[in-house]
Amino acid sequence: MARIAMWLGWIPAALLLTPGWLAAGQHEGHRPDRAEVVTLAAVVVAVAGLVLGAHHGRRTAPGAGAAAIGRRLAPVLAAAAGVAVVYFAAGDAVFRWVIPLAADLRDGPSWVPLIPVPVATAALGFGAGLLRRRPPAVVPARRWYRVAGAAAILGVYGVTGFVGHGAEMATARFVPARTTTAASVELPAGRHAVFARYNDQPGSCTVTGADGNGIAVRQPSVRFTDHGDGVVTVLFGVFDLPRAGRVAVACPGGEIGAPPEVRGPLGSLVFVPVAVLWLIGLMPGALLALAVWRRARQPRPGALAGAPPVSG
């Protein structure tokens, strides 16, 4: 089970990083098309297959004959195809229910032709690994602690990026036409939003009700922007008005309007305290560090999660 968990762990990691990868190099709030999603998936499974094949190629016993190599290669190729199918199914579920873009991604290339890609790269990696065969080595615990630290940092980035970029991609409405910059405005009861321009965000924003009491403006824990190709608009925060009335707004550069409409569950996660998102992202690295710490204190050296044995 530990070995399976190790080789399947890249799937949730890749899915967490996918929104950030898709948004890289694009304007804020970029909504991808199906070709971009499928192309990125092809790259991910190709790299995964290459690494999987190279690992098992290096671990093949030196001097093994063609029959022995074939018996070791066959399950590697099957595993590459299997984990690719799992990844594509998980990705389809993410873009159907978590970041609901299924309607936007109906047209374009299919996942199915991508299944041979990791199989081919796994075979290539296996062949390259055969050229550098070596017996299992004892890996110092301190090296695994570095891996755990890198996983923790990557996890923090991945979770916050997934929530921020994913919510942007799933946004059906951002700034409506009735947005206003007036210092005083009549508003109905309910939730309202304060928007700002990307390069002109207010340092503070005060909203005062008709009774003279201040109304708290709750800011998102991650950066949240629109889908526009021109001037980028940022969600500064939201506030709730218990009853209809006129409110005074002291928010330099801010605009009042209806809150964004985010399809799926990420709309509420945008306002979760960022410390919670960090803790979720830190968990894989923390669990790996704990496993290394426990393994390093065992009297007998053993393999950690299918990896080479760890020394203290």
C-alpha atoms as a PDB file:
ATOM      1  CA  MET A   1       0.000   0.000   0.000  1.00  0.00           C
ATOM      2  CA  ALA A   2       2.839   2.383   0.811  1.00  0.00           C
ATOM      3  CA  ARG A   3       4.386   1.838  -2.627  1.00  0.00           C
ATOM      4  CA  ILE A   4       1.026   2.415  -4.323  1.00  0.00           C
ATOM      5  CA  ALA A   5       0.466   5.603  -2.300  1.00  0.00           C
ATOM      6  CA  MET A   6       3.907   6.857  -3.317  1.00  0.00           C
ATOM      7  CA  TRP A   7       3.315   6.382  -7.052  1.00  0.00           C
ATOM      8  CA  LEU A   8      -0.257   7.688  -7.003  1.00  0.00           C
ATOM      9  CA  GLY A   9       0.570  10.720  -4.851  1.00  0.00           C
ATOM     10  CA  TRP A  10       1.467  12.785  -7.930  1.00  0.00           C
ATOM     11  CA  ILE A  11      -2.176  12.704  -9.089  1.00  0.00           C
ATOM     12  CA  PRO A  12      -3.687  14.996  -6.404  1.00  0.00           C
ATOM     13  CA  ALA A  13      -0.514  17.113  -6.485  1.00  0.00           C
ATOM     14  CA  ALA A  14      -0.822  17.604 -10.256  1.00  0.00           C
ATOM     15  CA  LEU A  15      -4.540  18.378 -10.007  1.00  0.00           C
ATOM     16  CA  LEU A  16      -3.887  20.964  -7.286  1.00  0.00           C
ATOM     17  CA  LEU A  17      -1.281  22.695  -9.431  1.00  0.00           C
ATOM     18  CA  THR A  18      -3.302  22.517 -12.668  1.00  0.00           C
ATOM     19  CA  PRO A  19      -5.206  25.837 -12.239  1.00  0.00           C
ATOM     20  CA  GLY A  20      -1.942  27.654 -11.527  1.00  0.00           C
ATOM     21  CA  TRP A  21      -0.247  26.085 -14.530  1.00  0.00           C
ATOM     22  CA  LEU A  22      -3.190  26.988 -16.772  1.00  0.00           C
ATOM     23  CA  ALA A  23      -3.191  30.580 -15.544  1.00  0.00           C
ATOM     24  CA  ALA A  24       0.593  30.992 -15.899  1.00  0.00           C
ATOM     25  CA  GLY A  25       1.407  33.421 -18.658  1.00  0.00           C
ATOM     26  CA  GLN A  26      -2.240  34.393 -19.060  1.00  0.00           C
ATOM     27  CA  HIS A  27      -4.162  37.411 -17.799  1.00  0.00           C
ATOM     28  CA  GLU A  28      -5.780  37.219 -14.364  1.00  0.00           C
ATOM     29  CA  GLY A  29      -8.970  35.179 -14.251  1.00  0.00           C
ATOM     30  CA  HIS A  30      -8.039  33.277 -17.412  1.00  0.00           C
ATOM     31  CA  ARG A  31     -10.656  30.682 -18.358  1.00  0.00           C
ATOM     32  CA  PRO A  32      -8.984  27.798 -20.224  1.00  0.00           C
ATOM     33  CA  ASP A  33     -10.368  25.947 -23.203  1.00  0.00           C
ATOM     34  CA  ARG A  34     -10.381  22.179 -23.568  1.00  0.00           C
ATOM     35  CA  ALA A  35      -7.296  22.089 -25.800  1.00  0.00           C
ATOM     36  CA  GLU A  36      -5.225  23.743 -23.064  1.00  0.00           C
ATOM     37  CA  VAL A  37      -6.486  21.348 -20.382  1.00  0.00           C
ATOM     38  CA  VAL A  38      -5.863  18.265 -22.530  1.00  0.00           C
ATOM     39  CA  THR A  39      -2.403  19.450 -23.622  1.00  0.00           C
ATOM     40  CA  LEU A  40      -1.374  20.036 -20.013  1.00  0.00           C
ATOM     41  CA  ALA A  41      -2.711  16.605 -19.047  1.00  0.00           C
ATOM     42  CA  ALA A  42      -0.612  15.044 -21.816  1.00  0.00           C
ATOM     43  CA  VAL A  43       2.518  16.718 -20.458  1.00  0.00           C
ATOM     44  CA  VAL A  44       1.776  15.606 -16.897  1.00  0.00           C
ATOM     45  CA  VAL A  45       1.196  11.939 -17.767  1.00  0.00           C
ATOM     46  CA  ALA A  46       4.210  11.907 -20.089  1.00  0.00           C
ATOM     47  CA  VAL A  47       6.527  13.116 -17.333  1.00  0.00           C
ATOM     48  CA  ALA A  48       4.952  10.730 -14.810  1.00  0.00           C
ATOM     49  CA  GLY A  49       5.433   7.775 -17.141  1.00  0.00           C
ATOM     50  CA  LEU A  50       9.031   8.742 -17.853  1.00  0.00           C
ATOM     51  CA  VAL A  51       9.891   8.931 -14.154  1.00  0.00           C
ATOM     52  CA  LEU A  52       8.064   5.680 -13.382  1.00  0.00           C
ATOM     53  CA  GLY A  53       9.872   3.820 -16.146  1.00  0.00           C
ATOM     54  CA  ALA A  54      13.307   5.224 -15.296  1.00  0.00           C
ATOM     55  CA  HIS A  55      12.913   4.273 -11.630  1.00  0.00           C
ATOM     56  CA  HIS A  56      12.096   0.646 -12.385  1.00  0.00           C
ATOM     57  CA  GLY A  57      14.697   0.445 -15.130  1.00  0.00           C
ATOM     58  CA  ARG A  58      17.431   1.493 -12.684  1.00  0.00           C
ATOM     59  CA  ARG A  59      16.140  -1.015 -10.106  1.00  0.00           C
ATOM     60  CA  THR A  60      16.317  -3.940 -12.563  1.00  0.00           C
ATOM     61  CA  ALA A  61      18.983  -6.434 -11.494  1.00  0.00           C
ATOM     62  CA  PRO A  62      22.292  -6.012 -13.354  1.00  0.00           C
ATOM     63  CA  GLY A  63      22.862  -8.845 -15.802  1.00  0.00           C
ATOM     64  CA  ALA A  64      19.166  -9.733 -16.079  1.00  0.00           C
ATOM     65  CA  GLY A  65      18.254 -11.440 -19.338  1.00  0.00           C
ATOM     66  CA  ALA A  66      15.697 -10.329 -21.898  1.00  0.00           C
ATOM     67  CA  ALA A  67      12.972 -12.515 -20.374  1.00  0.00           C
ATOM     68  CA  ALA A  68      13.520 -11.091 -16.896  1.00  0.00           C
ATOM     69  CA  ILE A  69      13.558  -7.536 -18.250  1.00  0.00           C
ATOM     70  CA  GLY A  70      10.314  -8.203 -20.146  1.00  0.00           C
ATOM     71  CA  ARG A  71       8.631  -9.568 -17.003  1.00  0.00           C
ATOM     72  CA  ARG A  72       9.621  -6.405 -15.117  1.00  0.00           C
ATOM     73  CA  LEU A  73       8.711  -4.027 -17.952  1.00  0.00           C
ATOM     74  CA  ALA A  74       5.187  -5.378 -18.570  1.00  0.00           C
ATOM     75  CA  PRO A  75       3.705  -4.341 -15.173  1.00  0.00           C
ATOM     76  CA  VAL A  76       5.431  -0.959 -15.439  1.00  0.00           C
ATOM     77  CA  LEU A  77       3.689  -0.240 -18.753  1.00  0.00           C
ATOM     78  CA  ALA A  78       0.373  -1.471 -17.371  1.00  0.00           C
ATOM     79  CA  ALA A  79       0.801   0.741 -14.297  1.00  0.00           C
ATOM     80  CA  ALA A  80       1.579   3.760 -16.490  1.00  0.00           C
ATOM     81  CA  ALA A  81      -1.640   3.230 -18.436  1.00  0.00           C
ATOM     82  CA  GLY A  82      -3.628   2.593 -15.251  1.00  0.00           C
ATOM     83  CA  VAL A  83      -2.516   5.683 -13.378  1.00  0.00           C
ATOM     84  CA  ALA A  84      -3.095   7.780 -16.514  1.00  0.00           C
ATOM     85  CA  VAL A  85      -6.705   6.586 -16.656  1.00  0.00           C
ATOM     86  CA  VAL A  86      -7.116   7.390 -12.945  1.00  0.00           C
ATOM     87  CA  TYR A  87      -5.624  10.850 -13.511  1.00  0.00           C
ATOM     88  CA  PHE A  88      -7.892  11.608 -16.477  1.00  0.00           C
ATOM     89  CA  ALA A  89     -10.965  10.424 -14.534  1.00  0.00           C
ATOM     90  CA  ALA A  90      -9.971  12.546 -11.526  1.00  0.00           C
ATOM     91  CA  GLY A  91      -9.325  15.544 -13.767  1.00  0.00           C
ATOM     92  CA  ASP A  92     -12.709  15.141 -15.425  1.00  0.00           C
ATOM     93  CA  ALA A  93     -14.348  15.031 -11.981  1.00  0.00           C
ATOM     94  CA  VAL A  94     -12.507  18.182 -10.872  1.00  0.00           C
ATOM     95  CA  PHE A  95     -13.608  20.168 -13.925  1.00  0.00           C
ATOM     96  CA  ARG A  96     -17.140  18.812 -13.669  1.00  0.00           C
ATOM     97  CA  TRP A  97     -17.905  19.382  -9.973  1.00  0.00           C
ATOM     98  CA  VAL A  98     -15.126  21.324  -8.219  1.00  0.00           C
ATOM     99  CA  ILE A  99     -14.257  23.822 -10.976  1.00  0.00           C
ATOM    100  CA  PRO A 100     -17.409  23.425 -13.083  1.00  0.00           C
ATOM    101  CA  LEU A 101     -16.159  24.041 -16.600  1.00  0.00           C
ATOM    102  CA  ALA A 102     -17.703  20.925 -18.142  1.00  0.00           C
ATOM    103  CA  ALA A 103     -20.010  22.952 -20.389  1.00  0.00           C
ATOM    104  CA  ASP A 104     -17.071  25.096 -21.532  1.00  0.00           C
ATOM    105  CA  LEU A 105     -14.817  22.097 -22.184  1.00  0.00           C
ATOM    106  CA  ARG A 106     -17.178  19.956 -24.272  1.00  0.00           C
ATOM    107  CA  ASP A 107     -15.577  20.880 -27.585  1.00  0.00           C
ATOM    108  CA  GLY A 108     -12.010  19.893 -28.334  1.00  0.00           C
ATOM    109  CA  PRO A 109      -9.701  16.866 -28.102  1.00  0.00           C
ATOM    110  CA  SER A 110     -10.595  13.864 -25.952  1.00  0.00           C
ATOM    111  CA  TRP A 111      -8.644  12.296 -23.081  1.00  0.00           C
ATOM    112  CA  VAL A 112      -8.728   8.796 -24.631  1.00  0.00           C
ATOM    113  CA  PRO A 113      -5.950   9.220 -27.244  1.00  0.00           C
ATOM    114  CA  LEU A 114      -3.621  10.316 -24.436  1.00  0.00           C
ATOM    115  CA  ILE A 115      -3.570   6.897 -22.726  1.00  0.00           C
ATOM    116  CA  PRO A 116      -0.681   5.558 -24.898  1.00  0.00           C
ATOM    117  CA  VAL A 117       1.439   8.640 -24.088  1.00  0.00           C
ATOM    118  CA  PRO A 118       2.601   7.586 -20.584  1.00  0.00           C
ATOM    119  CA  VAL A 119       3.020   4.004 -21.812  1.00  0.00           C
ATOM    120  CA  ALA A 120       5.455   5.178 -24.496  1.00  0.00           C
ATOM    121  CA  THR A 121       7.371   7.475 -22.149  1.00  0.00           C
ATOM    122  CA  ALA A 122       7.491   4.738 -19.479  1.00  0.00           C
ATOM    123  CA  ALA A 123       9.085   2.395 -22.018  1.00  0.00           C
ATOM    124  CA  LEU A 124      11.557   5.130 -22.973  1.00  0.00           C
ATOM    125  CA  GLY A 125      12.363   5.846 -19.339  1.00  0.00           C
ATOM    126  CA  PHE A 126      12.760   2.137 -18.590  1.00  0.00           C
ATOM    127  CA  GLY A 127      15.259   1.772 -21.396  1.00  0.00           C
ATOM    128  CA  ALA A 128      17.220   4.776 -20.163  1.00  0.00           C
ATOM    129  CA  GLY A 129      17.126   3.387 -16.620  1.00  0.00           C
ATOM    130  CA  LEU A 130      18.626   0.069 -17.784  1.00  0.00           C
ATOM    131  CA  LEU A 131      21.732   1.969 -18.832  1.00  0.00           C
ATOM    132  CA  ARG A 132      22.224   3.149 -15.235  1.00  0.00           C
ATOM    133  CA  ARG A 133      21.210   0.098 -13.228  1.00  0.00           C
ATOM    134  CA  ARG A 134      22.233   0.073  -9.588  1.00  0.00           C
ATOM    135  CA  PRO A 135      21.236  -1.799  -6.447  1.00  0.00           C
ATOM    136  CA  PRO A 136      19.000  -0.117  -3.860  1.00  0.00           C
ATOM    137  CA  ALA A 137      20.939   2.343  -1.726  1.00  0.00           C
ATOM    138  CA  VAL A 138      20.436   3.621   1.796  1.00  0.00           C
ATOM    139  CA  VAL A 139      19.106   7.189   1.597  1.00  0.00           C
ATOM    140  CA  PRO A 140      20.002   9.442   4.564  1.00  0.00           C
ATOM    141  CA  ALA A 141      16.998  10.626   6.562  1.00  0.00           C
ATOM    142  CA  ARG A 142      18.084  14.238   6.147  1.00  0.00           C
ATOM    143  CA  ARG A 143      17.520  13.956   2.397  1.00  0.00           C
ATOM    144  CA  TRP A 144      13.951  12.775   2.979  1.00  0.00           C
ATOM    145  CA  TYR A 145      13.434  15.705   5.352  1.00  0.00           C
ATOM    146  CA  ARG A 146      14.388  18.015   2.486  1.00  0.00           C
ATOM    147  CA  VAL A 147      11.842  16.246   0.281  1.00  0.00           C
ATOM    148  CA  ALA A 148       9.230  16.685   3.025  1.00  0.00           C
ATOM    149  CA  GLY A 149      10.045  20.396   3.264  1.00  0.00           C
ATOM    150  CA  ALA A 150       9.724  20.825  -0.496  1.00  0.00           C
ATOM    151  CA  ALA A 151       6.412  18.953  -0.436  1.00  0.00           C
ATOM    152  CA  ALA A 152       5.125  21.254   2.312  1.00  0.00           C
ATOM    153  CA  ILE A 153       6.073  24.414   0.394  1.00  0.00           C
ATOM    154  CA  LEU A 154       4.587  23.036  -2.817  1.00  0.00           C
ATOM    155  CA  GLY A 155       1.444  22.050  -0.934  1.00  0.00           C
ATOM    156  CA  VAL A 156       0.919  25.558   0.446  1.00  0.00           C
ATOM    157  CA  TYR A 157       1.308  27.041  -3.020  1.00  0.00           C
ATOM    158  CA  GLY A 158      -0.849  24.349  -4.593  1.00  0.00           C
ATOM    159  CA  VAL A 159      -3.833  24.647  -2.235  1.00  0.00           C
ATOM    160  CA  THR A 160      -3.980  28.451  -2.231  1.00  0.00           C
ATOM    161  CA  GLY A 161      -3.461  28.581  -6.002  1.00  0.00           C
ATOM    162  CA  PHE A 162      -6.114  25.933  -6.575  1.00  0.00           C
ATOM    163  CA  VAL A 163      -8.685  27.866  -4.553  1.00  0.00           C
ATOM    164  CA  GLY A 164      -7.814  31.279  -6.041  1.00  0.00           C
ATOM    165  CA  HIS A 165      -7.329  30.365  -9.708  1.00  0.00           C
ATOM    166  CA  GLY A 166     -10.005  27.671  -9.604  1.00  0.00           C
ATOM    167  CA  ALA A 167     -12.613  30.095  -8.256  1.00  0.00           C
ATOM    168  CA  GLU A 168     -11.685  32.601 -10.967  1.00  0.00           C
ATOM    169  CA  MET A 169     -12.146  29.966 -13.662  1.00  0.00           C
ATOM    170  CA  ALA A 170     -15.512  28.919 -12.190  1.00  0.00           C
ATOM    171  CA  THR A 171     -16.857  32.483 -11.930  1.00  0.00           C
ATOM    172  CA  ALA A 172     -19.994  33.010 -13.993  1.00  0.00           C
ATOM    173  CA  ARG A 173     -20.442  36.694 -13.080  1.00  0.00           C
ATOM    174  CA  PHE A 174     -17.949  39.170 -11.689  1.00  0.00           C
ATOM    175  CA  VAL A 175     -18.663  42.905 -12.055  1.00  0.00           C
ATOM    176  CA  PRO A 176     -22.254  43.681 -13.116  1.00  0.00           C
ATOM    177  CA  ALA A 177     -23.248  46.808 -15.037  1.00  0.00           C
ATOM    178  CA  ARG A 178     -24.756  48.492 -11.966  1.00  0.00           C
ATOM    179  CA  THR A 179     -21.379  48.848 -10.223  1.00  0.00           C
ATOM    180  CA  THR A 180     -20.996  52.371  -8.822  1.00  0.00           C
ATOM    181  CA  THR A 181     -18.234  54.541  -7.397  1.00  0.00           C
ATOM    182  CA  ALA A 182     -20.621  56.910  -5.606  1.00  0.00           C
ATOM    183  CA  ALA A 183     -19.700  57.844  -2.025  1.00  0.00           C
ATOM    184  CA  SER A 184     -23.266  57.193  -0.917  1.00  0.00           C
ATOM    185  CA  VAL A 185     -25.610  54.661  -2.467  1.00  0.00           C
ATOM    186  CA  GLU A 186     -29.030  53.130  -1.841  1.00  0.00           C
ATOM    187  CA  LEU A 187     -28.712  49.351  -1.531  1.00  0.00           C
ATOM    188  CA  PRO A 188     -31.176  46.509  -0.950  1.00  0.00           C
ATOM    189  CA  ALA A 189     -30.707  44.114   1.948  1.00  0.00           C
ATOM    190  CA  GLY A 190     -28.305  41.257   1.291  1.00  0.00           C
ATOM    191  CA  ARG A 191     -24.666  40.715   0.344  1.00  0.00           C
ATOM    192  CA  HIS A 192     -22.739  43.275  -1.676  1.00  0.00           C
ATOM    193  CA  ALA A 193     -19.184  43.448  -2.977  1.00  0.00           C
ATOM    194  CA  VAL A 194     -16.436  46.053  -3.127  1.00  0.00           C
ATOM    195  CA  PHE A 195     -14.296  45.940  -6.265  1.00  0.00           C
ATOM    196  CA  ALA A 196     -11.026  47.693  -7.042  1.00  0.00           C
ATOM    197  CA  ARG A 197      -8.684  48.056  -9.995  1.00  0.00           C
ATOM    198  CA  TYR A 198      -5.649  45.792  -9.966  1.00  0.00           C
ATOM    199  CA  ASN A 199      -3.105  48.627  -9.763  1.00  0.00           C
ATOM    200  CA  ASP A 200      -5.222  50.960  -7.636  1.00  0.00           C
ATOM    201  CA  GLN A 201      -6.420  48.991  -4.623  1.00  0.00           C
ATOM    202  CA  PRO A 202      -7.499  50.958  -1.540  1.00  0.00           C
ATOM    203  CA  GLY A 203      -5.550  50.451   1.658  1.00  0.00           C
ATOM    204  CA  SER A 204      -8.793  50.365   3.623  1.00  0.00           C
ATOM    205  CA  CYS A 205     -12.495  50.524   2.913  1.00  0.00           C
ATOM    206  CA  THR A 206     -15.156  51.707   5.368  1.00  0.00           C
ATOM    207  CA  VAL A 207     -18.866  51.149   4.811  1.00  0.00           C
ATOM    208  CA  THR A 208     -21.290  52.907   7.166  1.00  0.00           C
ATOM    209  CA  GLY A 209     -24.978  52.041   7.393  1.00  0.00           C
ATOM    210  CA  ALA A 210     -27.904  54.468   7.648  1.00  0.00           C
ATOM    211  CA  ASP A 211     -27.793  54.109  11.445  1.00  0.00           C
ATOM    212  CA  GLY A 212     -24.231  55.383  11.533  1.00  0.00           C
ATOM    213  CA  ASN A 213     -22.707  52.037  12.491  1.00  0.00           C
ATOM    214  CA  GLY A 214     -19.818  50.627  10.528  1.00  0.00           C
ATOM    215  CA  ILE A 215     -20.329  47.502   8.442  1.00  0.00           C
ATOM    216  CA  ALA A 216     -17.452  45.033   8.303  1.00  0.00           C
ATOM    217  CA  VAL A 217     -15.956  44.381   4.867  1.00  0.00           C
ATOM    218  CA  ARG A 218     -14.710  40.803   4.701  1.00  0.00           C
ATOM    219  CA  GLN A 219     -11.745  40.372   2.362  1.00  0.00           C
ATOM    220  CA  PRO A 220     -10.935  37.141   0.511  1.00  0.00           C
ATOM    221  CA  SER A 221      -7.960  35.173   1.781  1.00  0.00           C
ATOM    222  CA  VAL A 222      -6.642  34.658  -1.779  1.00  0.00           C
ATOM    223  CA  ARG A 223      -6.383  37.047  -4.697  1.00  0.00           C
ATOM    224  CA  PHE A 224      -9.592  36.944  -6.698  1.00  0.00           C
ATOM    225  CA  THR A 225      -9.889  38.711 -10.065  1.00  0.00           C
ATOM    226  CA  ASP A 226     -12.169  38.863 -13.097  1.00  0.00           C
ATOM    227  CA  HIS A 227     -12.001  37.304 -16.569  1.00  0.00           C
ATOM    228  CA  GLY A 228     -11.442  40.594 -18.401  1.00  0.00           C
ATOM    229  CA  ASP A 229      -8.919  41.010 -21.184  1.00  0.00           C
ATOM    230  CA  GLY A 230      -8.461  44.711 -20.450  1.00  0.00           C
ATOM    231  CA  VAL A 231      -8.227  46.383 -17.048  1.00  0.00           C
ATOM    232  CA  VAL A 232      -8.083  43.762 -14.312  1.00  0.00           C
ATOM    233  CA  THR A 233     -10.672  44.150 -11.562  1.00  0.00           C
ATOM    234  CA  VAL A 234     -10.067  42.656  -8.113  1.00  0.00           C
ATOM    235  CA  LEU A 235     -12.583  41.634  -5.476  1.00  0.00           C
ATOM    236  CA  PHE A 236     -11.601  43.758  -2.461  1.00  0.00           C
ATOM    237  CA  GLY A 237     -14.222  42.260  -0.147  1.00  0.00           C
ATOM    238  CA  VAL A 238     -17.887  41.663   0.612  1.00  0.00           C
ATOM    239  CA  PHE A 239     -20.264  43.009   3.243  1.00  0.00           C
ATOM    240  CA  ASP A 240     -23.763  42.082   4.406  1.00  0.00           C
ATOM    241  CA  LEU A 241     -26.525  44.656   4.723  1.00  0.00           C
ATOM    242  CA  PRO A 242     -29.229  43.522   7.177  1.00  0.00           C
ATOM    243  CA  ARG A 243     -31.832  45.899   5.772  1.00  0.00           C
ATOM    244  CA  ALA A 244     -32.254  48.093   2.728  1.00  0.00           C
ATOM    245  CA  GLY A 245     -31.067  51.654   3.008  1.00  0.00           C
ATOM    246  CA  ARG A 246     -28.460  54.196   2.050  1.00  0.00           C
ATOM    247  CA  VAL A 247     -24.868  53.453   2.984  1.00  0.00           C
ATOM    248  CA  ALA A 248     -21.846  55.743   2.998  1.00  0.00           C
ATOM    249  CA  VAL A 249     -18.716  54.386   1.378  1.00  0.00           C
ATOM    250  CA  ALA A 250     -15.195  55.619   2.164  1.00  0.00           C
ATOM    251  CA  CYS A 251     -13.185  53.464  -0.205  1.00  0.00           C
ATOM    252  CA  PRO A 252     -10.780  55.341  -2.523  1.00  0.00           C
ATOM    253  CA  GLY A 253     -10.947  53.682  -5.925  1.00  0.00           C
ATOM    254  CA  GLY A 254     -13.494  51.143  -4.736  1.00  0.00           C
ATOM    255  CA  GLU A 255     -16.702  50.242  -6.567  1.00  0.00           C
ATOM    256  CA  ILE A 256     -19.876  48.763  -5.065  1.00  0.00           C
ATOM    257  CA  GLY A 257     -21.773  46.022  -6.866  1.00  0.00           C
ATOM    258  CA  ALA A 258     -23.285  42.556  -6.626  1.00  0.00           C
ATOM    259  CA  PRO A 259     -20.914  39.851  -5.342  1.00  0.00           C
ATOM    260  CA  PRO A 260     -19.301  37.459  -7.833  1.00  0.00           C
ATOM    261  CA  GLU A 261     -21.224  34.328  -8.729  1.00  0.00           C
ATOM    262  CA  VAL A 262     -18.894  31.331  -8.455  1.00  0.00           C
ATOM    263  CA  ARG A 263     -20.107  27.954  -9.648  1.00  0.00           C
ATOM    264  CA  GLY A 264     -19.158  25.003  -7.465  1.00  0.00           C
ATOM    265  CA  PRO A 265     -17.760  24.839  -3.918  1.00  0.00           C
ATOM    266  CA  LEU A 266     -14.745  27.138  -4.312  1.00  0.00           C
ATOM    267  CA  GLY A 267     -16.752  30.341  -3.880  1.00  0.00           C
ATOM    268  CA  SER A 268     -17.008  29.782  -0.115  1.00  0.00           C
ATOM    269  CA  LEU A 269     -13.391  28.630   0.205  1.00  0.00           C
ATOM    270  CA  VAL A 270     -12.194  31.985  -1.129  1.00  0.00           C
ATOM    271  CA  PHE A 271     -13.084  33.457   2.271  1.00  0.00           C
ATOM    272  CA  VAL A 272     -11.689  30.652   4.454  1.00  0.00           C
ATOM    273  CA  PRO A 273      -8.838  31.983   6.650  1.00  0.00           C
ATOM    274  CA  VAL A 274      -5.621  31.582   4.714  1.00  0.00           C
ATOM    275  CA  ALA A 275      -4.051  29.769   7.687  1.00  0.00           C
ATOM    276  CA  VAL A 276      -6.542  26.941   7.123  1.00  0.00           C
ATOM    277  CA  LEU A 277      -5.490  26.636   3.479  1.00  0.00           C
ATOM    278  CA  TRP A 278      -1.829  26.648   4.534  1.00  0.00           C
ATOM    279  CA  LEU A 279      -2.419  23.877   7.071  1.00  0.00           C
ATOM    280  CA  ILE A 280      -4.110  21.728   4.434  1.00  0.00           C
ATOM    281  CA  GLY A 281      -1.201  22.298   2.064  1.00  0.00           C
ATOM    282  CA  LEU A 282       1.374  21.489   4.759  1.00  0.00           C
ATOM    283  CA  MET A 283      -0.180  18.135   5.642  1.00  0.00           C
ATOM    284  CA  PRO A 284       1.500  15.904   2.997  1.00  0.00           C
ATOM    285  CA  GLY A 285       4.966  17.231   3.835  1.00  0.00           C
ATOM    286  CA  ALA A 286       4.290  16.969   7.562  1.00  0.00           C
ATOM    287  CA  LEU A 287       3.096  13.365   7.226  1.00  0.00           C
ATOM    288  CA  LEU A 288       6.172  12.450   5.177  1.00  0.00           C
ATOM    289  CA  ALA A 289       8.469  14.062   7.755  1.00  0.00           C
ATOM    290  CA  LEU A 290       6.709  12.128  10.530  1.00  0.00           C
ATOM    291  CA  ALA A 291       7.098   8.863   8.600  1.00  0.00           C
ATOM    292  CA  VAL A 292      10.820   9.548   8.094  1.00  0.00           C
ATOM    293  CA  TRP A 293      11.259  10.406  11.787  1.00  0.00           C
ATOM    294  CA  ARG A 294       9.583   7.157  12.872  1.00  0.00           C
ATOM    295  CA  ARG A 295      11.463   5.037  10.323  1.00  0.00           C
ATOM    296  CA  ALA A 296      14.839   6.526  11.231  1.00  0.00           C
ATOM    297  CA  ARG A 297      14.326   5.503  14.882  1.00  0.00           C
ATOM    298  CA  GLN A 298      13.498   1.885  14.153  1.00  0.00           C
ATOM    299  CA  PRO A 299      16.286  -0.571  15.021  1.00  0.00           C
ATOM    300  CA  ARG A 300      16.208  -2.146  11.561  1.00  0.00           C
ATOM    301  CA  PRO A 301      16.588   0.008   8.427  1.00  0.00           C
ATOM    302  CA  GLY A 302      13.717  -0.497   6.016  1.00  0.00           C
ATOM    303  CA  ALA A 303      12.198   0.932   2.919  1.00  0.00           C
ATOM    304  CA  LEU A 304      10.143   4.101   3.294  1.00  0.00           C
ATOM    305  CA  ALA A 305       7.017   4.116   1.177  1.00  0.00           C
ATOM    306  CA  GLY A 306       8.615   1.890  -1.440  1.00  0.00           C
ATOM    307  CA  ALA A 307      11.741   4.058  -1.557  1.00  0.00           C
ATOM    308  CA  PRO A 308      15.329   3.059  -0.710  1.00  0.00           C
ATOM    309  CA  PRO A 309      15.982   2.391   2.993  1.00  0.00           C
ATOM    310  CA  VAL A 310      16.487   5.389   5.249  1.00  0.00           C
ATOM    311  CA  SER A 311      19.422   5.761   7.612  1.00  0.00           C
ATOM    312  CA  GLY A 312      19.287   7.927  10.705  1.00  0.00           C
END
